[in-house]
């Protein structure tokens, strides 16, 4: 069983990254999000 973990991988593993569409969506969402604080309350609104 230990030999199984010590063998090298047959194919090279490349790290995954986020897609360009995902980054664009998150940036647009964060631009439209507005956080307002009033006394001890916090209001989050999405401005489309």
PDB file of N, CA and C in Angstrom:
ATOM      1  N   UNK A   1       0.820  -1.194   0.000  1.00  0.00           N
ATOM      2  CA  UNK A   1       0.000   0.000   0.000  1.00  0.00           C
ATOM      3  C   UNK A   1       0.867   1.262   0.000  1.00  0.00           C
ATOM      4  N   UNK A   2       1.971   1.270   0.718  1.00  0.00           N
ATOM      5  CA  UNK A   2       2.851   2.433   0.768  1.00  0.00           C
ATOM      6  C   UNK A   2       3.469   2.700  -0.602  1.00  0.00           C
ATOM      7  N   UNK A   3       3.699   1.650  -1.366  1.00  0.00           N
ATOM      8  CA  UNK A   3       4.293   1.824  -2.689  1.00  0.00           C
ATOM      9  C   UNK A   3       3.353   2.603  -3.610  1.00  0.00           C
ATOM     10  N   UNK A   4       2.048   2.460  -3.422  1.00  0.00           N
ATOM     11  CA  UNK A   4       1.056   3.153  -4.235  1.00  0.00           C
ATOM     12  C   UNK A   4       1.197   4.669  -4.083  1.00  0.00           C
ATOM     13  N   UNK A   5       1.445   5.126  -2.889  1.00  0.00           N
ATOM     14  CA  UNK A   5       1.560   6.559  -2.643  1.00  0.00           C
ATOM     15  C   UNK A   5       2.910   7.119  -3.063  1.00  0.00           C
ATOM     16  N   UNK A   6       3.901   6.296  -3.212  1.00  0.00           N
ATOM     17  CA  UNK A   6       5.231   6.766  -3.558  1.00  0.00           C
ATOM     18  C   UNK A   6       5.477   6.804  -5.059  1.00  0.00           C
ATOM     19  N   UNK A   7       4.610   6.222  -5.839  1.00  0.00           N
ATOM     20  CA  UNK A   7       4.797   6.236  -7.291  1.00  0.00           C
ATOM     21  C   UNK A   7       4.531   7.633  -7.833  1.00  0.00           C
ATOM     22  N   UNK A   8       5.243   7.991  -8.873  1.00  0.00           N
ATOM     23  CA  UNK A   8       4.999   9.298  -9.493  1.00  0.00           C
ATOM     24  C   UNK A   8       3.734   9.219 -10.351  1.00  0.00           C
ATOM     25  N   UNK A   9       3.101  10.360 -10.526  1.00  0.00           N
ATOM     26  CA  UNK A   9       1.866  10.401 -11.307  1.00  0.00           C
ATOM     27  C   UNK A   9       2.191  10.271 -12.795  1.00  0.00           C
ATOM     28  N   UNK A  10       1.409   9.515 -13.546  1.00  0.00           N
ATOM     29  CA  UNK A  10       1.694   9.329 -14.966  1.00  0.00           C
ATOM     30  C   UNK A  10       1.471  10.599 -15.789  1.00  0.00           C
ATOM     31  N   UNK A  11       0.550  11.457 -15.384  1.00  0.00           N
ATOM     32  CA  UNK A  11       0.302  12.683 -16.131  1.00  0.00           C
ATOM     33  C   UNK A  11       0.493  13.889 -15.218  1.00  0.00           C
ATOM     34  N   UNK A  12       0.947  14.960 -15.781  1.00  0.00           N
ATOM     35  CA  UNK A  12       1.238  16.150 -15.005  1.00  0.00           C
ATOM     36  C   UNK A  12      -0.069  16.818 -14.557  1.00  0.00           C
ATOM     37  N   UNK A  13      -0.128  17.220 -13.309  1.00  0.00           N
ATOM     38  CA  UNK A  13      -1.308  17.861 -12.755  1.00  0.00           C
ATOM     39  C   UNK A  13      -1.079  19.364 -12.756  1.00  0.00           C
ATOM     40  N   UNK A  14      -1.983  20.087 -13.378  1.00  0.00           N
ATOM     41  CA  UNK A  14      -1.861  21.542 -13.407  1.00  0.00           C
ATOM     42  C   UNK A  14      -2.870  22.143 -12.429  1.00  0.00           C
ATOM     43  N   UNK A  15      -2.478  23.177 -11.705  1.00  0.00           N
ATOM     44  CA  UNK A  15      -3.414  23.792 -10.764  1.00  0.00           C
ATOM     45  C   UNK A  15      -4.551  24.487 -11.512  1.00  0.00           C
ATOM     46  N   UNK A  16      -5.732  24.387 -10.942  1.00  0.00           N
ATOM     47  CA  UNK A  16      -6.897  25.003 -11.567  1.00  0.00           C
ATOM     48  C   UNK A  16      -7.052  26.433 -11.083  1.00  0.00           C
ATOM     49  N   UNK A  17      -7.565  27.264 -11.919  1.00  0.00           N
ATOM     50  CA  UNK A  17      -7.824  28.654 -11.574  1.00  0.00           C
ATOM     51  C   UNK A  17      -9.256  29.006 -11.947  1.00  0.00           C
ATOM     52  N   UNK A  18      -9.749  30.126 -11.467  1.00  0.00           N
ATOM     53  CA  UNK A  18     -11.127  30.514 -11.802  1.00  0.00           C
ATOM     54  C   UNK A  18     -11.228  30.939 -13.271  1.00  0.00           C
ATOM     55  N   UNK A  19     -12.392  30.745 -13.835  1.00  0.00           N
ATOM     56  CA  UNK A  19     -12.626  31.164 -15.212  1.00  0.00           C
ATOM     57  C   UNK A  19     -12.762  32.682 -15.262  1.00  0.00           C
ATOM     58  N   UNK A  20     -12.515  33.230 -16.404  1.00  0.00           N
ATOM     59  CA  UNK A  20     -12.622  34.676 -16.591  1.00  0.00           C
ATOM     60  C   UNK A  20     -14.050  35.158 -16.324  1.00  0.00           C
ATOM     61  N   UNK A  21     -15.040  34.352 -16.711  1.00  0.00           N
ATOM     62  CA  UNK A  21     -16.441  34.717 -16.494  1.00  0.00           C
ATOM     63  C   UNK A  21     -16.770  34.791 -15.006  1.00  0.00           C
ATOM     64  N   UNK A  22     -16.183  33.897 -14.218  1.00  0.00           N
ATOM     65  CA  UNK A  22     -16.420  33.888 -12.776  1.00  0.00           C
ATOM     66  C   UNK A  22     -15.870  35.153 -12.135  1.00  0.00           C
ATOM     67  N   UNK A  23     -14.675  35.549 -12.521  1.00  0.00           N
ATOM     68  CA  UNK A  23     -14.070  36.764 -11.970  1.00  0.00           C
ATOM     69  C   UNK A  23     -14.888  37.983 -12.358  1.00  0.00           C
ATOM     70  N   UNK A  24     -15.320  38.036 -13.615  1.00  0.00           N
ATOM     71  CA  UNK A  24     -16.127  39.161 -14.090  1.00  0.00           C
ATOM     72  C   UNK A  24     -17.442  39.248 -13.321  1.00  0.00           C
ATOM     73  N   UNK A  25     -18.091  38.106 -13.092  1.00  0.00           N
ATOM     74  CA  UNK A  25     -19.347  38.081 -12.346  1.00  0.00           C
ATOM     75  C   UNK A  25     -19.155  38.596 -10.928  1.00  0.00           C
ATOM     76  N   UNK A  26     -18.123  38.141 -10.246  1.00  0.00           N
ATOM     77  CA  UNK A  26     -17.878  38.565  -8.867  1.00  0.00           C
ATOM     78  C   UNK A  26     -17.540  40.049  -8.777  1.00  0.00           C
ATOM     79  N   UNK A  27     -16.764  40.548  -9.711  1.00  0.00           N
ATOM     80  CA  UNK A  27     -16.435  41.974  -9.703  1.00  0.00           C
ATOM     81  C   UNK A  27     -17.667  42.833  -9.961  1.00  0.00           C
ATOM     82  N   UNK A  28     -18.496  42.423 -10.905  1.00  0.00           N
ATOM     83  CA  UNK A  28     -19.724  43.180 -11.180  1.00  0.00           C
ATOM     84  C   UNK A  28     -20.676  43.126  -9.995  1.00  0.00           C
ATOM     85  N   UNK A  29     -20.751  41.991  -9.333  1.00  0.00           N
ATOM     86  CA  UNK A  29     -21.618  41.858  -8.159  1.00  0.00           C
ATOM     87  C   UNK A  29     -21.131  42.773  -7.043  1.00  0.00           C
ATOM     88  N   UNK A  30     -19.821  42.813  -6.823  1.00  0.00           N
ATOM     89  CA  UNK A  30     -19.289  43.640  -5.748  1.00  0.00           C
ATOM     90  C   UNK A  30     -19.449  45.125  -6.056  1.00  0.00           C
ATOM     91  N   UNK A  31     -19.437  45.499  -7.333  1.00  0.00           N
ATOM     92  CA  UNK A  31     -19.670  46.898  -7.707  1.00  0.00           C
ATOM     93  C   UNK A  31     -21.114  47.302  -7.438  1.00  0.00           C
ATOM     94  N   UNK A  32     -22.055  46.376  -7.607  1.00  0.00           N
ATOM     95  CA  UNK A  32     -23.462  46.690  -7.440  1.00  0.00           C
ATOM     96  C   UNK A  32     -23.923  46.575  -5.990  1.00  0.00           C
ATOM     97  N   UNK A  33     -23.118  45.982  -5.134  1.00  0.00           N
ATOM     98  CA  UNK A  33     -23.501  45.782  -3.742  1.00  0.00           C
ATOM     99  C   UNK A  33     -23.228  47.052  -2.945  1.00  0.00           C
ATOM    100  N   UNK A  34     -24.247  47.484  -2.220  1.00  0.00           N
ATOM    101  CA  UNK A  34     -24.109  48.673  -1.384  1.00  0.00           C
ATOM    102  C   UNK A  34     -24.451  48.292   0.054  1.00  0.00           C
ATOM    103  N   UNK A  35     -23.555  48.635   0.982  1.00  0.00           N
ATOM    104  CA  UNK A  35     -23.757  48.330   2.392  1.00  0.00           C
ATOM    105  C   UNK A  35     -23.950  49.648   3.127  1.00  0.00           C
ATOM    106  N   UNK A  36     -25.095  49.774   3.815  1.00  0.00           N
ATOM    107  CA  UNK A  36     -25.422  50.980   4.562  1.00  0.00           C
ATOM    108  C   UNK A  36     -25.591  50.624   6.023  1.00  0.00           C
ATOM    109  N   UNK A  37     -24.950  51.396   6.882  1.00  0.00           N
ATOM    110  CA  UNK A  37     -25.085  51.168   8.320  1.00  0.00           C
ATOM    111  C   UNK A  37     -25.883  52.303   8.935  1.00  0.00           C
ATOM    112  N   UNK A  38     -26.856  51.938   9.745  1.00  0.00           N
ATOM    113  CA  UNK A  38     -27.679  52.907  10.448  1.00  0.00           C
ATOM    114  C   UNK A  38     -27.792  52.463  11.896  1.00  0.00           C
ATOM    115  N   UNK A  39     -27.229  53.263  12.781  1.00  0.00           N
ATOM    116  CA  UNK A  39     -27.148  52.944  14.212  1.00  0.00           C
ATOM    117  C   UNK A  39     -26.489  51.580  14.377  1.00  0.00           C
ATOM    118  N   UNK A  40     -27.183  50.580  14.878  1.00  0.00           N
ATOM    119  CA  UNK A  40     -26.571  49.258  15.067  1.00  0.00           C
ATOM    120  C   UNK A  40     -27.054  48.238  14.037  1.00  0.00           C
ATOM    121  N   UNK A  41     -27.623  48.725  12.920  1.00  0.00           N
ATOM    122  CA  UNK A  41     -28.137  47.830  11.871  1.00  0.00           C
ATOM    123  C   UNK A  41     -27.325  48.013  10.589  1.00  0.00           C
ATOM    124  N   UNK A  42     -27.213  46.943   9.844  1.00  0.00           N
ATOM    125  CA  UNK A  42     -26.511  46.969   8.556  1.00  0.00           C
ATOM    126  C   UNK A  42     -27.480  46.512   7.476  1.00  0.00           C
ATOM    127  N   UNK A  43     -27.584  47.319   6.418  1.00  0.00           N
ATOM    128  CA  UNK A  43     -28.450  47.008   5.285  1.00  0.00           C
ATOM    129  C   UNK A  43     -27.596  46.761   4.065  1.00  0.00           C
ATOM    130  N   UNK A  44     -27.859  45.665   3.374  1.00  0.00           N
ATOM    131  CA  UNK A  44     -27.164  45.332   2.142  1.00  0.00           C
ATOM    132  C   UNK A  44     -28.171  45.398   1.009  1.00  0.00           C
ATOM    133  N   UNK A  45     -27.888  46.216  -0.002  1.00  0.00           N
ATOM    134  CA  UNK A  45     -28.782  46.338  -1.152  1.00  0.00           C
ATOM    135  C   UNK A  45     -27.995  46.058  -2.409  1.00  0.00           C
ATOM    136  N   UNK A  46     -28.674  45.484  -3.392  1.00  0.00           N
ATOM    137  CA  UNK A  46     -28.076  45.194  -4.679  1.00  0.00           C
ATOM    138  C   UNK A  46     -28.634  46.197  -5.674  1.00  0.00           C
ATOM    139  N   UNK A  47     -27.801  47.103  -6.145  1.00  0.00           N
ATOM    140  CA  UNK A  47     -28.217  48.154  -7.064  1.00  0.00           C
ATOM    141  C   UNK A  47     -27.987  47.700  -8.498  1.00  0.00           C
ATOM    142  N   UNK A  48     -29.052  47.364  -9.183  1.00  0.00           N
ATOM    143  CA  UNK A  48     -28.928  46.921 -10.576  1.00  0.00           C
ATOM    144  C   UNK A  48     -29.068  48.084 -11.490  1.00  0.00           C
TER     145      UNK A  48
END
